[in-house]
Protein backbone atom coordinates (compact mmCIF):
# COMPACT_ATOMS: atom_id res chain seq x y z
CA UNK A 1 0.00 0.00 0.00
CA UNK A 2 1.42 3.38 -0.94
CA UNK A 3 0.91 6.47 1.12
CA UNK A 4 -0.06 9.70 -0.56
CA UNK A 5 1.65 12.82 0.70
CA UNK A 6 -1.84 14.16 1.25
CA UNK A 7 -2.47 11.44 3.88
CA UNK A 8 0.75 11.88 5.89
CA UNK A 9 4.37 12.84 5.49
CA UNK A 10 6.53 10.08 4.01
CA UNK A 11 8.97 8.31 6.32
CA UNK A 12 12.27 6.54 5.85
CA UNK A 13 11.95 2.76 6.06
CA UNK A 14 14.61 0.24 7.12
CA UNK A 15 17.10 2.87 8.30
CA UNK A 16 18.85 0.56 10.79
CA UNK A 17 19.26 -2.15 8.15
CA UNK A 18 20.57 0.43 5.68
CA UNK A 19 23.12 1.61 8.26
CA UNK A 20 24.21 -2.00 8.78
CA UNK A 21 24.63 -2.49 5.05
CA UNK A 22 26.64 0.71 4.75
CA UNK A 23 28.92 -0.27 7.62
CA UNK A 24 29.45 -3.75 6.14
CA UNK A 25 30.89 -2.52 2.82
CA UNK A 26 34.60 -3.34 2.78
CA UNK A 27 35.60 -1.22 -0.22
CA UNK A 28 36.30 2.27 1.16
CA UNK A 29 35.48 4.09 -2.09
CA UNK A 30 32.14 2.33 -2.54
CA UNK A 31 31.34 2.87 1.16
CA UNK A 32 32.13 6.60 0.86
CA UNK A 33 29.99 7.02 -2.27
CA UNK A 34 27.14 5.14 -0.63
CA UNK A 35 27.55 7.28 2.48
CA UNK A 36 27.21 10.46 0.45
CA UNK A 37 24.03 9.20 -1.24
CA UNK A 38 22.69 8.07 2.15
CA UNK A 39 23.43 11.44 3.73
CA UNK A 40 21.73 13.30 0.86
CA UNK A 41 18.50 11.36 1.29
CA UNK A 42 18.55 11.84 5.06
CA UNK A 43 19.23 15.58 4.60
CA UNK A 44 16.25 15.94 2.26
CA UNK A 45 13.99 14.25 4.80
CA UNK A 46 15.35 16.39 7.65
CA UNK A 47 14.94 19.60 5.67
CA UNK A 48 11.62 18.44 4.13
CA UNK A 49 13.00 19.18 0.63
CA UNK A 50 11.75 17.39 -2.46
CA UNK A 51 10.25 14.50 -0.55
CA UNK A 52 8.82 11.46 -2.33
CA UNK A 53 5.07 11.05 -2.45
CA UNK A 54 5.27 7.85 -0.40
CA UNK A 55 7.50 6.22 2.19
CA UNK A 56 11.12 5.65 1.13
CA UNK A 57 12.90 2.30 1.53
CA UNK A 58 16.46 3.32 2.45
CA UNK A 59 17.72 -0.28 2.43
CA UNK A 60 16.49 -0.90 -1.12
CA UNK A 61 18.01 2.41 -2.22
CA UNK A 62 21.43 1.61 -0.74
CA UNK A 63 21.38 -1.90 -2.19
CA UNK A 64 20.82 -0.39 -5.65
CA UNK A 65 23.48 2.27 -5.07
CA UNK A 66 25.95 -0.38 -3.92
CA UNK A 67 25.30 -2.46 -7.04
CA UNK A 68 25.82 0.57 -9.29
CA UNK A 69 28.97 1.84 -7.55
CA UNK A 70 30.38 -1.68 -7.65
CA UNK A 71 30.46 -1.50 -11.46
CA UNK A 72 33.84 0.19 -11.56
CA UNK A 73 34.48 -0.31 -15.28
CA UNK A 74 31.12 1.26 -16.09
CA UNK A 75 31.83 4.20 -13.77
CA UNK A 76 35.21 4.75 -15.42
CA UNK A 77 33.51 4.95 -18.81
CA UNK A 78 30.90 7.39 -17.50
CA UNK A 79 33.52 9.59 -15.83
CA UNK A 80 35.51 9.58 -19.08
CA UNK A 81 32.51 11.19 -20.76
CA UNK A 82 31.37 8.17 -22.74
CA UNK A 83 27.69 8.24 -23.70
CA UNK A 84 26.22 4.98 -22.49
CA UNK A 85 22.52 5.83 -22.80
CA UNK A 86 21.91 3.46 -25.70
CA UNK A 87 23.43 0.53 -23.76
CA UNK A 88 21.27 1.06 -20.66
CA UNK A 89 17.74 1.78 -21.84
PDB file of N, CA and C in Angstrom:
ATOM      1  N   UNK A   1       0.844  -1.185   0.000  1.00  0.00           N
ATOM      2  CA  UNK A   1       0.000   0.000   0.000  1.00  0.00           C
ATOM      3  C   UNK A   1       0.885   1.242   0.000  1.00  0.00           C
ATOM      4  N   UNK A   2       0.654   2.142  -0.908  1.00  0.00           N
ATOM      5  CA  UNK A   2       1.419   3.376  -0.940  1.00  0.00           C
ATOM      6  C   UNK A   2       0.705   4.441  -0.137  1.00  0.00           C
ATOM      7  N   UNK A   3       1.463   5.396   0.311  1.00  0.00           N
ATOM      8  CA  UNK A   3       0.915   6.472   1.119  1.00  0.00           C
ATOM      9  C   UNK A   3       1.017   7.771   0.336  1.00  0.00           C
ATOM     10  N   UNK A   4      -0.066   8.417   0.123  1.00  0.00           N
ATOM     11  CA  UNK A   4      -0.064   9.705  -0.557  1.00  0.00           C
ATOM     12  C   UNK A   4       0.458  10.767   0.387  1.00  0.00           C
ATOM     13  N   UNK A   5       1.162  11.752  -0.159  1.00  0.00           N
ATOM     14  CA  UNK A   5       1.654  12.825   0.697  1.00  0.00           C
ATOM     15  C   UNK A   5       0.508  13.656   1.263  1.00  0.00           C
ATOM     16  N   UNK A   6      -0.680  13.459   0.718  1.00  0.00           N
ATOM     17  CA  UNK A   6      -1.835  14.157   1.254  1.00  0.00           C
ATOM     18  C   UNK A   6      -2.366  13.465   2.514  1.00  0.00           C
ATOM     19  N   UNK A   7      -2.036  12.179   2.687  1.00  0.00           N
ATOM     20  CA  UNK A   7      -2.467  11.443   3.877  1.00  0.00           C
ATOM     21  C   UNK A   7      -1.538  11.700   5.067  1.00  0.00           C
ATOM     22  N   UNK A   8      -0.245  11.646   4.839  1.00  0.00           N
ATOM     23  CA  UNK A   8       0.750  11.881   5.890  1.00  0.00           C
ATOM     24  C   UNK A   8       2.097  12.100   5.240  1.00  0.00           C
ATOM     25  N   UNK A   9       3.022  12.633   6.010  1.00  0.00           N
ATOM     26  CA  UNK A   9       4.368  12.835   5.486  1.00  0.00           C
ATOM     27  C   UNK A   9       5.042  11.481   5.282  1.00  0.00           C
ATOM     28  N   UNK A  10       5.825  11.335   4.217  1.00  0.00           N
ATOM     29  CA  UNK A  10       6.534  10.079   4.006  1.00  0.00           C
ATOM     30  C   UNK A  10       7.605   9.882   5.080  1.00  0.00           C
ATOM     31  N   UNK A  11       7.935   8.637   5.330  1.00  0.00           N
ATOM     32  CA  UNK A  11       8.969   8.313   6.318  1.00  0.00           C
ATOM     33  C   UNK A  11      10.030   7.440   5.656  1.00  0.00           C
ATOM     34  N   UNK A  12      11.201   7.420   6.288  1.00  0.00           N
ATOM     35  CA  UNK A  12      12.275   6.537   5.852  1.00  0.00           C
ATOM     36  C   UNK A  12      12.049   5.156   6.451  1.00  0.00           C
ATOM     37  N   UNK A  13      12.114   4.140   5.606  1.00  0.00           N
ATOM     38  CA  UNK A  13      11.947   2.763   6.055  1.00  0.00           C
ATOM     39  C   UNK A  13      13.302   2.061   6.107  1.00  0.00           C
ATOM     40  N   UNK A  14      13.442   1.114   7.018  1.00  0.00           N
ATOM     41  CA  UNK A  14      14.614   0.241   7.124  1.00  0.00           C
ATOM     42  C   UNK A  14      15.921   1.004   7.285  1.00  0.00           C
ATOM     43  N   UNK A  15      15.894   2.067   8.084  1.00  0.00           N
ATOM     44  CA  UNK A  15      17.099   2.872   8.299  1.00  0.00           C
ATOM     45  C   UNK A  15      18.198   2.084   9.005  1.00  0.00           C
ATOM     46  N   UNK A  16      17.841   1.327  10.038  1.00  0.00           N
ATOM     47  CA  UNK A  16      18.850   0.564  10.786  1.00  0.00           C
ATOM     48  C   UNK A  16      19.511  -0.470   9.885  1.00  0.00           C
ATOM     49  N   UNK A  17      18.721  -1.154   9.071  1.00  0.00           N
ATOM     50  CA  UNK A  17      19.263  -2.148   8.147  1.00  0.00           C
ATOM     51  C   UNK A  17      20.152  -1.490   7.091  1.00  0.00           C
ATOM     52  N   UNK A  18      19.761  -0.308   6.655  1.00  0.00           N
ATOM     53  CA  UNK A  18      20.566   0.427   5.683  1.00  0.00           C
ATOM     54  C   UNK A  18      21.902   0.833   6.305  1.00  0.00           C
ATOM     55  N   UNK A  19      21.879   1.270   7.560  1.00  0.00           N
ATOM     56  CA  UNK A  19      23.122   1.610   8.258  1.00  0.00           C
ATOM     57  C   UNK A  19      24.027   0.387   8.385  1.00  0.00           C
ATOM     58  N   UNK A  20      23.431  -0.758   8.679  1.00  0.00           N
ATOM     59  CA  UNK A  20      24.214  -1.998   8.779  1.00  0.00           C
ATOM     60  C   UNK A  20      24.854  -2.350   7.441  1.00  0.00           C
ATOM     61  N   UNK A  21      24.085  -2.223   6.374  1.00  0.00           N
ATOM     62  CA  UNK A  21      24.631  -2.491   5.047  1.00  0.00           C
ATOM     63  C   UNK A  21      25.792  -1.549   4.752  1.00  0.00           C
ATOM     64  N   UNK A  22      25.597  -0.282   4.998  1.00  0.00           N
ATOM     65  CA  UNK A  22      26.636   0.709   4.747  1.00  0.00           C
ATOM     66  C   UNK A  22      27.906   0.378   5.522  1.00  0.00           C
ATOM     67  N   UNK A  23      27.756   0.037   6.776  1.00  0.00           N
ATOM     68  CA  UNK A  23      28.922  -0.275   7.620  1.00  0.00           C
ATOM     69  C   UNK A  23      29.585  -1.590   7.245  1.00  0.00           C
ATOM     70  N   UNK A  24      28.890  -2.451   6.509  1.00  0.00           N
ATOM     71  CA  UNK A  24      29.449  -3.750   6.140  1.00  0.00           C
ATOM     72  C   UNK A  24      30.251  -3.714   4.836  1.00  0.00           C
ATOM     73  N   UNK A  25      30.200  -2.610   4.113  1.00  0.00           N
ATOM     74  CA  UNK A  25      30.887  -2.519   2.822  1.00  0.00           C
ATOM     75  C   UNK A  25      32.385  -2.385   3.063  1.00  0.00           C
ATOM     76  N   UNK A  26      33.156  -3.322   2.516  1.00  0.00           N
ATOM     77  CA  UNK A  26      34.602  -3.336   2.783  1.00  0.00           C
ATOM     78  C   UNK A  26      35.383  -2.377   1.890  1.00  0.00           C
ATOM     79  N   UNK A  27      34.890  -2.124   0.690  1.00  0.00           N
ATOM     80  CA  UNK A  27      35.597  -1.215  -0.219  1.00  0.00           C
ATOM     81  C   UNK A  27      35.385   0.221   0.247  1.00  0.00           C
ATOM     82  N   UNK A  28      36.469   0.916   0.608  1.00  0.00           N
ATOM     83  CA  UNK A  28      36.305   2.275   1.160  1.00  0.00           C
ATOM     84  C   UNK A  28      35.723   3.288   0.178  1.00  0.00           C
ATOM     85  N   UNK A  29      36.011   3.146  -1.099  1.00  0.00           N
ATOM     86  CA  UNK A  29      35.484   4.091  -2.092  1.00  0.00           C
ATOM     87  C   UNK A  29      33.981   3.880  -2.259  1.00  0.00           C
ATOM     88  N   UNK A  30      33.570   2.627  -2.392  1.00  0.00           N
ATOM     89  CA  UNK A  30      32.142   2.334  -2.535  1.00  0.00           C
ATOM     90  C   UNK A  30      31.404   2.753  -1.272  1.00  0.00           C
ATOM     91  N   UNK A  31      31.975   2.479  -0.101  1.00  0.00           N
ATOM     92  CA  UNK A  31      31.343   2.867   1.165  1.00  0.00           C
ATOM     93  C   UNK A  31      31.191   4.387   1.255  1.00  0.00           C
ATOM     94  N   UNK A  32      32.199   5.128   0.816  1.00  0.00           N
ATOM     95  CA  UNK A  32      32.126   6.595   0.856  1.00  0.00           C
ATOM     96  C   UNK A  32      31.063   7.123  -0.099  1.00  0.00           C
ATOM     97  N   UNK A  33      31.009   6.590  -1.309  1.00  0.00           N
ATOM     98  CA  UNK A  33      29.990   7.015  -2.273  1.00  0.00           C
ATOM     99  C   UNK A  33      28.597   6.697  -1.767  1.00  0.00           C
ATOM    100  N   UNK A  34      28.435   5.506  -1.209  1.00  0.00           N
ATOM    101  CA  UNK A  34      27.137   5.136  -0.628  1.00  0.00           C
ATOM    102  C   UNK A  34      26.783   6.064   0.529  1.00  0.00           C
ATOM    103  N   UNK A  35      27.776   6.394   1.335  1.00  0.00           N
ATOM    104  CA  UNK A  35      27.546   7.277   2.476  1.00  0.00           C
ATOM    105  C   UNK A  35      27.076   8.658   2.058  1.00  0.00           C
ATOM    106  N   UNK A  36      27.630   9.152   0.962  1.00  0.00           N
ATOM    107  CA  UNK A  36      27.212  10.461   0.451  1.00  0.00           C
ATOM    108  C   UNK A  36      25.763  10.406  -0.032  1.00  0.00           C
ATOM    109  N   UNK A  37      25.413   9.353  -0.764  1.00  0.00           N
ATOM    110  CA  UNK A  37      24.031   9.196  -1.240  1.00  0.00           C
ATOM    111  C   UNK A  37      23.074   9.051  -0.053  1.00  0.00           C
ATOM    112  N   UNK A  38      23.477   8.277   0.934  1.00  0.00           N
ATOM    113  CA  UNK A  38      22.686   8.068   2.153  1.00  0.00           C
ATOM    114  C   UNK A  38      22.459   9.391   2.882  1.00  0.00           C
ATOM    115  N   UNK A  39      23.521  10.159   3.030  1.00  0.00           N
ATOM    116  CA  UNK A  39      23.428  11.444   3.730  1.00  0.00           C
ATOM    117  C   UNK A  39      22.531  12.426   2.976  1.00  0.00           C
ATOM    118  N   UNK A  40      22.574  12.404   1.657  1.00  0.00           N
ATOM    119  CA  UNK A  40      21.730  13.305   0.859  1.00  0.00           C
ATOM    120  C   UNK A  40      20.255  12.999   1.070  1.00  0.00           C
ATOM    121  N   UNK A  41      19.905  11.733   1.066  1.00  0.00           N
ATOM    122  CA  UNK A  41      18.500  11.364   1.288  1.00  0.00           C
ATOM    123  C   UNK A  41      18.071  11.786   2.693  1.00  0.00           C
ATOM    124  N   UNK A  42      18.897  11.478   3.688  1.00  0.00           N
ATOM    125  CA  UNK A  42      18.548  11.843   5.056  1.00  0.00           C
ATOM    126  C   UNK A  42      18.413  13.360   5.203  1.00  0.00           C
ATOM    127  N   UNK A  43      19.288  14.109   4.549  1.00  0.00           N
ATOM    128  CA  UNK A  43      19.225  15.578   4.603  1.00  0.00           C
ATOM    129  C   UNK A  43      17.909  16.080   4.006  1.00  0.00           C
ATOM    130  N   UNK A  44      17.500  15.518   2.881  1.00  0.00           N
ATOM    131  CA  UNK A  44      16.246  15.941   2.255  1.00  0.00           C
ATOM    132  C   UNK A  44      15.055  15.684   3.174  1.00  0.00           C
ATOM    133  N   UNK A  45      15.074  14.544   3.864  1.00  0.00           N
ATOM    134  CA  UNK A  45      13.989  14.254   4.803  1.00  0.00           C
ATOM    135  C   UNK A  45      14.039  15.213   5.995  1.00  0.00           C
ATOM    136  N   UNK A  46      15.223  15.490   6.505  1.00  0.00           N
ATOM    137  CA  UNK A  46      15.346  16.392   7.651  1.00  0.00           C
ATOM    138  C   UNK A  46      14.912  17.804   7.304  1.00  0.00           C
ATOM    139  N   UNK A  47      15.268  18.248   6.110  1.00  0.00           N
ATOM    140  CA  UNK A  47      14.937  19.605   5.667  1.00  0.00           C
ATOM    141  C   UNK A  47      13.577  19.682   4.985  1.00  0.00           C
ATOM    142  N   UNK A  48      12.926  18.520   4.790  1.00  0.00           N
ATOM    143  CA  UNK A  48      11.618  18.438   4.128  1.00  0.00           C
ATOM    144  C   UNK A  48      11.688  18.988   2.708  1.00  0.00           C
ATOM    145  N   UNK A  49      12.778  18.679   1.985  1.00  0.00           N
ATOM    146  CA  UNK A  49      13.002  19.182   0.629  1.00  0.00           C
ATOM    147  C   UNK A  49      12.785  18.080  -0.403  1.00  0.00           C
ATOM    148  N   UNK A  50      11.934  18.309  -1.351  1.00  0.00           N
ATOM    149  CA  UNK A  50      11.753  17.391  -2.455  1.00  0.00           C
ATOM    150  C   UNK A  50      11.444  15.973  -2.024  1.00  0.00           C
ATOM    151  N   UNK A  51      10.554  15.830  -1.085  1.00  0.00           N
ATOM    152  CA  UNK A  51      10.252  14.505  -0.549  1.00  0.00           C
ATOM    153  C   UNK A  51       9.465  13.659  -1.544  1.00  0.00           C
ATOM    154  N   UNK A  52       9.624  12.334  -1.465  1.00  0.00           N
ATOM    155  CA  UNK A  52       8.825  11.462  -2.328  1.00  0.00           C
ATOM    156  C   UNK A  52       7.359  11.511  -1.908  1.00  0.00           C
ATOM    157  N   UNK A  53       6.501  11.016  -2.761  1.00  0.00           N
ATOM    158  CA  UNK A  53       5.070  11.048  -2.452  1.00  0.00           C
ATOM    159  C   UNK A  53       4.639   9.878  -1.579  1.00  0.00           C
ATOM    160  N   UNK A  54       5.573   8.969  -1.290  1.00  0.00           N
ATOM    161  CA  UNK A  54       5.272   7.851  -0.399  1.00  0.00           C
ATOM    162  C   UNK A  54       6.509   7.540   0.439  1.00  0.00           C
ATOM    163  N   UNK A  55       6.384   6.595   1.342  1.00  0.00           N
ATOM    164  CA  UNK A  55       7.503   6.217   2.191  1.00  0.00           C
ATOM    165  C   UNK A  55       8.687   5.763   1.331  1.00  0.00           C
ATOM    166  N   UNK A  56       9.887   5.903   1.886  1.00  0.00           N
ATOM    167  CA  UNK A  56      11.119   5.651   1.133  1.00  0.00           C
ATOM    168  C   UNK A  56      11.902   4.530   1.791  1.00  0.00           C
ATOM    169  N   UNK A  57      12.170   3.465   1.037  1.00  0.00           N
ATOM    170  CA  UNK A  57      12.905   2.301   1.534  1.00  0.00           C
ATOM    171  C   UNK A  57      14.403   2.560   1.389  1.00  0.00           C
ATOM    172  N   UNK A  58      15.041   2.980   2.483  1.00  0.00           N
ATOM    173  CA  UNK A  58      16.456   3.318   2.453  1.00  0.00           C
ATOM    174  C   UNK A  58      17.329   2.092   2.180  1.00  0.00           C
ATOM    175  N   UNK A  59      16.934   0.925   2.671  1.00  0.00           N
ATOM    176  CA  UNK A  59      17.721  -0.278   2.430  1.00  0.00           C
ATOM    177  C   UNK A  59      17.729  -0.623   0.941  1.00  0.00           C
ATOM    178  N   UNK A  60      16.570  -0.616   0.314  1.00  0.00           N
ATOM    179  CA  UNK A  60      16.489  -0.902  -1.118  1.00  0.00           C
ATOM    180  C   UNK A  60      17.343   0.094  -1.904  1.00  0.00           C
ATOM    181  N   UNK A  61      17.240   1.364  -1.543  1.00  0.00           N
ATOM    182  CA  UNK A  61      18.006   2.412  -2.221  1.00  0.00           C
ATOM    183  C   UNK A  61      19.506   2.133  -2.112  1.00  0.00           C
ATOM    184  N   UNK A  62      19.991   1.843  -0.906  1.00  0.00           N
ATOM    185  CA  UNK A  62      21.427   1.615  -0.741  1.00  0.00           C
ATOM    186  C   UNK A  62      21.876   0.316  -1.402  1.00  0.00           C
ATOM    187  N   UNK A  63      21.026  -0.676  -1.463  1.00  0.00           N
ATOM    188  CA  UNK A  63      21.378  -1.901  -2.186  1.00  0.00           C
ATOM    189  C   UNK A  63      21.574  -1.594  -3.667  1.00  0.00           C
ATOM    190  N   UNK A  64      20.695  -0.770  -4.238  1.00  0.00           N
ATOM    191  CA  UNK A  64      20.825  -0.389  -5.651  1.00  0.00           C
ATOM    192  C   UNK A  64      22.062   0.471  -5.874  1.00  0.00           C
ATOM    193  N   UNK A  65      22.303   1.405  -4.969  1.00  0.00           N
ATOM    194  CA  UNK A  65      23.477   2.274  -5.073  1.00  0.00           C
ATOM    195  C   UNK A  65      24.761   1.438  -4.985  1.00  0.00           C
ATOM    196  N   UNK A  66      24.780   0.488  -4.064  1.00  0.00           N
ATOM    197  CA  UNK A  66      25.955  -0.382  -3.920  1.00  0.00           C
ATOM    198  C   UNK A  66      26.203  -1.162  -5.204  1.00  0.00           C
ATOM    199  N   UNK A  67      25.156  -1.707  -5.793  1.00  0.00           N
ATOM    200  CA  UNK A  67      25.299  -2.457  -7.037  1.00  0.00           C
ATOM    201  C   UNK A  67      25.854  -1.570  -8.149  1.00  0.00           C
ATOM    202  N   UNK A  68      25.353  -0.349  -8.247  1.00  0.00           N
ATOM    203  CA  UNK A  68      25.821   0.570  -9.285  1.00  0.00           C
ATOM    204  C   UNK A  68      27.269   0.975  -9.057  1.00  0.00           C
ATOM    205  N   UNK A  69      27.603   1.397  -7.837  1.00  0.00           N
ATOM    206  CA  UNK A  69      28.966   1.839  -7.555  1.00  0.00           C
ATOM    207  C   UNK A  69      29.972   0.692  -7.607  1.00  0.00           C
ATOM    208  N   UNK A  70      29.492  -0.529  -7.528  1.00  0.00           N
ATOM    209  CA  UNK A  70      30.376  -1.684  -7.653  1.00  0.00           C
ATOM    210  C   UNK A  70      30.778  -1.969  -9.095  1.00  0.00           C
ATOM    211  N   UNK A  71      30.141  -1.319 -10.040  1.00  0.00           N
ATOM    212  CA  UNK A  71      30.457  -1.505 -11.461  1.00  0.00           C
ATOM    213  C   UNK A  71      31.552  -0.515 -11.857  1.00  0.00           C
ATOM    214  N   UNK A  72      32.757  -0.783 -11.402  1.00  0.00           N
ATOM    215  CA  UNK A  72      33.844   0.185 -11.555  1.00  0.00           C
ATOM    216  C   UNK A  72      34.189   0.469 -13.017  1.00  0.00           C
ATOM    217  N   UNK A  73      34.157  -0.552 -13.869  1.00  0.00           N
ATOM    218  CA  UNK A  73      34.477  -0.309 -15.278  1.00  0.00           C
ATOM    219  C   UNK A  73      33.432   0.602 -15.924  1.00  0.00           C
ATOM    220  N   UNK A  74      32.183   0.409 -15.589  1.00  0.00           N
ATOM    221  CA  UNK A  74      31.121   1.265 -16.093  1.00  0.00           C
ATOM    222  C   UNK A  74      31.308   2.700 -15.603  1.00  0.00           C
ATOM    223  N   UNK A  75      31.610   2.854 -14.330  1.00  0.00           N
ATOM    224  CA  UNK A  75      31.830   4.198 -13.771  1.00  0.00           C
ATOM    225  C   UNK A  75      33.005   4.896 -14.450  1.00  0.00           C
ATOM    226  N   UNK A  76      34.065   4.160 -14.729  1.00  0.00           N
ATOM    227  CA  UNK A  76      35.215   4.752 -15.420  1.00  0.00           C
ATOM    228  C   UNK A  76      34.800   5.284 -16.789  1.00  0.00           C
ATOM    229  N   UNK A  77      33.971   4.518 -17.495  1.00  0.00           N
ATOM    230  CA  UNK A  77      33.507   4.952 -18.807  1.00  0.00           C
ATOM    231  C   UNK A  77      32.633   6.198 -18.705  1.00  0.00           C
ATOM    232  N   UNK A  78      31.762   6.227 -17.706  1.00  0.00           N
ATOM    233  CA  UNK A  78      30.896   7.392 -17.498  1.00  0.00           C
ATOM    234  C   UNK A  78      31.733   8.621 -17.169  1.00  0.00           C
ATOM    235  N   UNK A  79      32.679   8.460 -16.244  1.00  0.00           N
ATOM    236  CA  UNK A  79      33.518   9.587 -15.834  1.00  0.00           C
ATOM    237  C   UNK A  79      34.434  10.066 -16.952  1.00  0.00           C
ATOM    238  N   UNK A  80      34.708   9.198 -17.913  1.00  0.00           N
ATOM    239  CA  UNK A  80      35.513   9.583 -19.075  1.00  0.00           C
ATOM    240  C   UNK A  80      34.679  10.323 -20.120  1.00  0.00           C
ATOM    241  N   UNK A  81      33.378  10.437 -19.855  1.00  0.00           N
ATOM    242  CA  UNK A  81      32.514  11.190 -20.764  1.00  0.00           C
ATOM    243  C   UNK A  81      31.859  10.352 -21.840  1.00  0.00           C
ATOM    244  N   UNK A  82      31.981   9.046 -21.741  1.00  0.00           N
ATOM    245  CA  UNK A  82      31.370   8.170 -22.736  1.00  0.00           C
ATOM    246  C   UNK A  82      29.851   8.189 -22.594  1.00  0.00           C
ATOM    247  N   UNK A  83      29.141   8.259 -23.717  1.00  0.00           N
ATOM    248  CA  UNK A  83      27.686   8.245 -23.702  1.00  0.00           C
ATOM    249  C   UNK A  83      27.213   6.812 -23.731  1.00  0.00           C
ATOM    250  N   UNK A  84      26.638   6.364 -22.624  1.00  0.00           N
ATOM    251  CA  UNK A  84      26.218   4.976 -22.490  1.00  0.00           C
ATOM    252  C   UNK A  84      24.706   4.820 -22.516  1.00  0.00           C
ATOM    253  N   UNK A  85      23.984   5.852 -22.841  1.00  0.00           N
ATOM    254  CA  UNK A  85      22.524   5.830 -22.798  1.00  0.00           C
ATOM    255  C   UNK A  85      21.936   4.707 -23.640  1.00  0.00           C
ATOM    256  N   UNK A  86      22.464   4.494 -24.814  1.00  0.00           N
ATOM    257  CA  UNK A  86      21.915   3.463 -25.697  1.00  0.00           C
ATOM    258  C   UNK A  86      22.093   2.056 -25.126  1.00  0.00           C
ATOM    259  N   UNK A  87      23.155   1.852 -24.353  1.00  0.00           N
ATOM    260  CA  UNK A  87      23.426   0.532 -23.762  1.00  0.00           C
ATOM    261  C   UNK A  87      22.528   0.232 -22.575  1.00  0.00           C
ATOM    262  N   UNK A  88      22.005   1.255 -21.913  1.00  0.00           N
ATOM    263  CA  UNK A  88      21.272   1.062 -20.657  1.00  0.00           C
ATOM    264  C   UNK A  88      19.872   1.621 -20.684  1.00  0.00           C
ATOM    265  N   UNK A  89      19.142   1.332 -21.742  1.00  0.00           N
ATOM    266  CA  UNK A  89      17.744   1.784 -21.844  1.00  0.00           C
ATOM    267  C   UNK A  89      16.815   0.692 -21.454  1.00  0.00           C
TER     268      UNK A  89
END
